[in-house]
Amino acid sequence: MEFDCLDVETIVGFEWDKGNINKNEDKHGLKWTAIEEVFFNEPLLIVEDFKHSLNECRCVALGKNNFNDLITVIFTIRNKHIRVISARTMSKKERIIYDKS
């Protein structure tokens, strides 16, 4: 069964593996808990990323954590769980798009 990345209503949780849970903190200073917060705060802008994946739905989420840090999250959906591929602080271009949403 395939899931639409844009339909976050079907999501039941997050999926982190040992190799990925600390990667974003090491690389970009973002703890996994701050990344998850993005999906619970408004506004949340999610767009499908057709360019970077042909095999599965891949999406980009632009949002903020509980401290209003603007964060970009690249993710996919597996077994009704958000599986984060990468997360980082929003770029200037992404902030402009987010501010317009």
N, C-alpha and C. Protein backbone atom coordinates (compact mmCIF):
# COMPACT_ATOMS: atom_id res chain seq x y z
N MET A 1 0.84 -1.18 0.00
CA MET A 1 0.00 0.00 0.00
C MET A 1 0.89 1.24 0.00
N GLU A 2 0.61 2.16 -0.89
CA GLU A 2 1.38 3.39 -0.97
C GLU A 2 0.66 4.51 -0.23
N PHE A 3 1.45 5.45 0.29
CA PHE A 3 0.88 6.59 1.01
C PHE A 3 1.31 7.86 0.32
N ASP A 4 0.41 8.81 0.32
CA ASP A 4 0.68 10.12 -0.23
C ASP A 4 1.41 10.94 0.84
N CYS A 5 2.59 11.44 0.50
CA CYS A 5 3.36 12.24 1.45
C CYS A 5 2.58 13.45 1.95
N LEU A 6 1.68 13.93 1.16
CA LEU A 6 0.95 15.13 1.51
C LEU A 6 -0.21 14.84 2.46
N ASP A 7 -0.54 13.58 2.65
CA ASP A 7 -1.65 13.20 3.52
C ASP A 7 -1.11 12.80 4.89
N VAL A 8 -0.74 13.78 5.69
CA VAL A 8 -0.16 13.50 7.00
C VAL A 8 -1.18 12.95 7.99
N GLU A 9 -2.46 12.97 7.64
CA GLU A 9 -3.50 12.43 8.51
C GLU A 9 -3.34 10.92 8.70
N THR A 10 -2.71 10.23 7.76
CA THR A 10 -2.55 8.78 7.83
C THR A 10 -1.35 8.35 8.69
N ILE A 11 -0.55 9.30 9.10
CA ILE A 11 0.69 9.01 9.81
C ILE A 11 0.41 8.62 11.26
N VAL A 12 1.10 7.59 11.74
CA VAL A 12 0.91 7.15 13.13
C VAL A 12 2.15 7.40 13.99
N GLY A 13 3.25 7.83 13.39
CA GLY A 13 4.45 8.08 14.18
C GLY A 13 5.66 8.32 13.30
N PHE A 14 6.82 8.16 13.91
CA PHE A 14 8.09 8.37 13.23
C PHE A 14 8.90 7.09 13.27
N GLU A 15 9.75 6.93 12.28
CA GLU A 15 10.65 5.78 12.22
C GLU A 15 12.08 6.30 12.12
N TRP A 16 12.89 5.96 13.10
CA TRP A 16 14.30 6.35 13.12
C TRP A 16 15.15 5.09 13.21
N ASP A 17 16.20 5.02 12.43
CA ASP A 17 17.13 3.91 12.61
C ASP A 17 18.38 4.41 13.33
N LYS A 18 19.16 3.48 13.84
CA LYS A 18 20.34 3.84 14.63
C LYS A 18 21.31 4.74 13.87
N GLY A 19 21.45 4.50 12.58
CA GLY A 19 22.39 5.28 11.79
C GLY A 19 21.90 6.67 11.44
N ASN A 20 20.59 6.91 11.57
CA ASN A 20 20.02 8.18 11.12
C ASN A 20 19.59 9.10 12.27
N ILE A 21 19.33 8.54 13.43
CA ILE A 21 18.72 9.35 14.50
C ILE A 21 19.62 10.49 14.96
N ASN A 22 20.94 10.30 14.95
CA ASN A 22 21.85 11.35 15.39
C ASN A 22 22.56 12.07 14.25
N LYS A 23 22.34 11.63 13.02
CA LYS A 23 23.02 12.20 11.86
C LYS A 23 22.75 13.70 11.71
N ASN A 24 21.51 14.11 11.87
CA ASN A 24 21.16 15.52 11.68
C ASN A 24 21.68 16.39 12.81
N GLU A 25 21.81 15.82 14.00
CA GLU A 25 22.39 16.58 15.10
C GLU A 25 23.90 16.76 14.87
N ASP A 26 24.56 15.70 14.44
CA ASP A 26 25.99 15.79 14.18
C ASP A 26 26.30 16.74 13.02
N LYS A 27 25.49 16.69 11.99
CA LYS A 27 25.76 17.45 10.78
C LYS A 27 25.20 18.88 10.82
N HIS A 28 24.00 19.04 11.40
CA HIS A 28 23.30 20.33 11.34
C HIS A 28 22.88 20.88 12.71
N GLY A 29 23.22 20.18 13.78
CA GLY A 29 22.87 20.66 15.11
C GLY A 29 21.41 20.52 15.47
N LEU A 30 20.68 19.63 14.81
CA LEU A 30 19.25 19.45 15.07
C LEU A 30 18.98 18.09 15.71
N LYS A 31 18.48 18.11 16.93
CA LYS A 31 18.11 16.87 17.62
C LYS A 31 16.85 16.28 16.96
N TRP A 32 16.72 14.97 17.04
CA TRP A 32 15.57 14.31 16.42
C TRP A 32 14.25 14.80 17.01
N THR A 33 14.25 15.18 18.28
CA THR A 33 13.01 15.67 18.89
C THR A 33 12.58 17.00 18.28
N ALA A 34 13.54 17.88 17.99
CA ALA A 34 13.23 19.18 17.35
C ALA A 34 12.71 18.97 15.94
N ILE A 35 13.23 17.95 15.26
CA ILE A 35 12.78 17.64 13.89
C ILE A 35 11.33 17.17 13.92
N GLU A 36 11.00 16.30 14.85
CA GLU A 36 9.62 15.82 14.95
C GLU A 36 8.64 16.95 15.25
N GLU A 37 9.06 17.93 16.05
CA GLU A 37 8.19 19.05 16.41
C GLU A 37 7.69 19.82 15.19
N VAL A 38 8.46 19.83 14.13
CA VAL A 38 8.08 20.55 12.91
C VAL A 38 6.70 20.11 12.43
N PHE A 39 6.39 18.81 12.57
CA PHE A 39 5.14 18.27 12.04
C PHE A 39 3.93 18.57 12.92
N PHE A 40 4.15 19.19 14.09
CA PHE A 40 3.06 19.51 15.01
C PHE A 40 2.83 21.00 15.17
N ASN A 41 3.58 21.81 14.44
CA ASN A 41 3.45 23.26 14.54
C ASN A 41 2.97 23.85 13.22
N GLU A 42 2.23 24.92 13.33
CA GLU A 42 1.70 25.63 12.15
C GLU A 42 2.47 26.92 11.95
N PRO A 43 2.60 27.39 10.74
CA PRO A 43 2.22 26.69 9.51
C PRO A 43 3.23 25.59 9.17
N LEU A 44 2.73 24.60 8.48
CA LEU A 44 3.55 23.51 7.97
C LEU A 44 3.30 23.40 6.47
N LEU A 45 4.33 23.57 5.69
CA LEU A 45 4.22 23.50 4.23
C LEU A 45 4.91 22.22 3.77
N ILE A 46 4.17 21.36 3.09
CA ILE A 46 4.73 20.10 2.59
C ILE A 46 4.53 20.04 1.08
N VAL A 47 5.60 19.75 0.37
CA VAL A 47 5.53 19.60 -1.08
C VAL A 47 6.25 18.31 -1.48
N GLU A 48 5.72 17.66 -2.51
CA GLU A 48 6.37 16.46 -3.01
C GLU A 48 7.62 16.82 -3.79
N ASP A 49 8.64 16.00 -3.65
CA ASP A 49 9.92 16.19 -4.33
C ASP A 49 10.07 15.12 -5.40
N PHE A 50 9.54 15.39 -6.58
CA PHE A 50 9.58 14.43 -7.67
C PHE A 50 10.98 14.28 -8.24
N LYS A 51 11.78 15.31 -8.12
CA LYS A 51 13.11 15.34 -8.74
C LYS A 51 14.08 14.33 -8.11
N HIS A 52 13.95 14.07 -6.82
CA HIS A 52 14.97 13.29 -6.12
C HIS A 52 14.59 11.85 -5.82
N SER A 53 13.44 11.40 -6.21
CA SER A 53 13.09 10.01 -5.96
C SER A 53 12.08 9.50 -6.96
N LEU A 54 12.43 8.41 -7.59
CA LEU A 54 11.51 7.77 -8.53
C LEU A 54 10.87 6.54 -7.92
N ASN A 55 11.48 5.97 -6.86
CA ASN A 55 11.03 4.71 -6.30
C ASN A 55 10.02 4.85 -5.17
N GLU A 56 10.02 5.98 -4.47
CA GLU A 56 9.10 6.16 -3.37
C GLU A 56 8.74 7.64 -3.26
N CYS A 57 7.65 7.91 -2.57
CA CYS A 57 7.24 9.29 -2.33
C CYS A 57 8.28 9.97 -1.45
N ARG A 58 8.79 11.08 -1.90
CA ARG A 58 9.72 11.87 -1.10
C ARG A 58 9.17 13.28 -1.02
N CYS A 59 9.20 13.85 0.17
CA CYS A 59 8.63 15.17 0.37
C CYS A 59 9.58 16.07 1.13
N VAL A 60 9.30 17.36 1.01
CA VAL A 60 10.02 18.39 1.74
C VAL A 60 9.01 19.10 2.63
N ALA A 61 9.32 19.18 3.91
CA ALA A 61 8.48 19.91 4.86
C ALA A 61 9.22 21.16 5.30
N LEU A 62 8.54 22.29 5.22
CA LEU A 62 9.07 23.55 5.74
C LEU A 62 8.22 23.91 6.95
N GLY A 63 8.87 24.05 8.09
CA GLY A 63 8.12 24.34 9.31
C GLY A 63 9.04 24.84 10.40
N LYS A 64 8.50 24.84 11.62
CA LYS A 64 9.28 25.34 12.75
C LYS A 64 9.11 24.40 13.94
N ASN A 65 10.14 24.39 14.78
CA ASN A 65 10.05 23.60 16.00
C ASN A 65 9.41 24.44 17.10
N ASN A 66 9.41 23.95 18.32
CA ASN A 66 8.75 24.64 19.43
C ASN A 66 9.45 25.94 19.83
N PHE A 67 10.67 26.14 19.36
CA PHE A 67 11.41 27.38 19.64
C PHE A 67 11.40 28.33 18.46
N ASN A 68 10.52 28.05 17.47
CA ASN A 68 10.37 28.85 16.25
C ASN A 68 11.60 28.85 15.36
N ASP A 69 12.47 27.84 15.50
CA ASP A 69 13.58 27.67 14.56
C ASP A 69 12.99 27.15 13.26
N LEU A 70 13.33 27.78 12.14
CA LEU A 70 12.81 27.38 10.84
C LEU A 70 13.63 26.22 10.30
N ILE A 71 12.95 25.11 10.01
CA ILE A 71 13.63 23.86 9.67
C ILE A 71 13.05 23.27 8.39
N THR A 72 13.94 22.74 7.56
CA THR A 72 13.56 21.98 6.37
C THR A 72 13.78 20.51 6.66
N VAL A 73 12.76 19.69 6.41
CA VAL A 73 12.85 18.25 6.64
C VAL A 73 12.55 17.52 5.34
N ILE A 74 13.48 16.69 4.92
CA ILE A 74 13.28 15.81 3.77
C ILE A 74 12.85 14.46 4.35
N PHE A 75 11.73 13.92 3.86
CA PHE A 75 11.24 12.68 4.46
C PHE A 75 10.49 11.83 3.44
N THR A 76 10.23 10.61 3.84
CA THR A 76 9.39 9.71 3.09
C THR A 76 8.43 9.06 4.07
N ILE A 77 7.47 8.30 3.56
CA ILE A 77 6.53 7.59 4.40
C ILE A 77 6.76 6.09 4.20
N ARG A 78 6.96 5.39 5.31
CA ARG A 78 7.09 3.93 5.27
C ARG A 78 6.24 3.34 6.39
N ASN A 79 5.35 2.44 6.02
CA ASN A 79 4.49 1.78 7.01
C ASN A 79 3.79 2.78 7.93
N LYS A 80 3.22 3.81 7.35
CA LYS A 80 2.46 4.85 8.05
C LYS A 80 3.32 5.66 9.02
N HIS A 81 4.63 5.64 8.84
CA HIS A 81 5.54 6.40 9.69
C HIS A 81 6.36 7.37 8.84
N ILE A 82 6.62 8.54 9.41
CA ILE A 82 7.52 9.49 8.76
C ILE A 82 8.93 9.01 8.99
N ARG A 83 9.66 8.83 7.93
CA ARG A 83 11.07 8.43 8.00
C ARG A 83 11.89 9.61 7.48
N VAL A 84 12.58 10.28 8.40
CA VAL A 84 13.35 11.46 8.05
C VAL A 84 14.61 11.04 7.31
N ILE A 85 14.84 11.67 6.16
CA ILE A 85 16.04 11.43 5.37
C ILE A 85 17.10 12.44 5.77
N SER A 86 16.68 13.70 5.92
CA SER A 86 17.61 14.77 6.26
C SER A 86 16.82 15.94 6.84
N ALA A 87 17.49 16.73 7.67
CA ALA A 87 16.88 17.95 8.22
C ALA A 87 17.98 18.97 8.44
N ARG A 88 17.60 20.24 8.23
CA ARG A 88 18.57 21.33 8.38
C ARG A 88 17.82 22.63 8.56
N THR A 89 18.55 23.68 8.90
CA THR A 89 17.97 25.00 8.97
C THR A 89 17.55 25.44 7.57
N MET A 90 16.41 26.11 7.48
CA MET A 90 15.93 26.58 6.17
C MET A 90 16.93 27.52 5.52
N SER A 91 17.02 27.40 4.20
CA SER A 91 17.82 28.34 3.42
C SER A 91 17.04 29.64 3.26
N LYS A 92 17.71 30.67 2.80
CA LYS A 92 17.06 31.97 2.59
C LYS A 92 15.90 31.83 1.61
N LYS A 93 16.10 31.09 0.54
CA LYS A 93 15.05 30.88 -0.47
C LYS A 93 13.85 30.14 0.14
N GLU A 94 14.13 29.13 0.95
CA GLU A 94 13.06 28.38 1.59
C GLU A 94 12.29 29.25 2.58
N ARG A 95 12.98 30.13 3.31
CA ARG A 95 12.31 31.04 4.25
C ARG A 95 11.35 31.97 3.53
N ILE A 96 11.76 32.43 2.35
CA ILE A 96 10.87 33.31 1.56
C ILE A 96 9.60 32.56 1.16
N ILE A 97 9.76 31.31 0.70
CA ILE A 97 8.60 30.49 0.33
C ILE A 97 7.73 30.23 1.55
N TYR A 98 8.34 29.90 2.67
CA TYR A 98 7.60 29.59 3.90
C TYR A 98 6.83 30.82 4.40
N ASP A 99 7.46 31.96 4.35
CA ASP A 99 6.83 33.19 4.82
C ASP A 99 5.59 33.56 3.99
N LYS A 100 5.55 33.11 2.75
CA LYS A 100 4.41 33.39 1.87
C LYS A 100 3.24 32.42 2.10
N SER A 101 3.51 31.32 2.83
CA SER A 101 2.46 30.30 3.02
C SER A 101 1.47 30.68 4.09
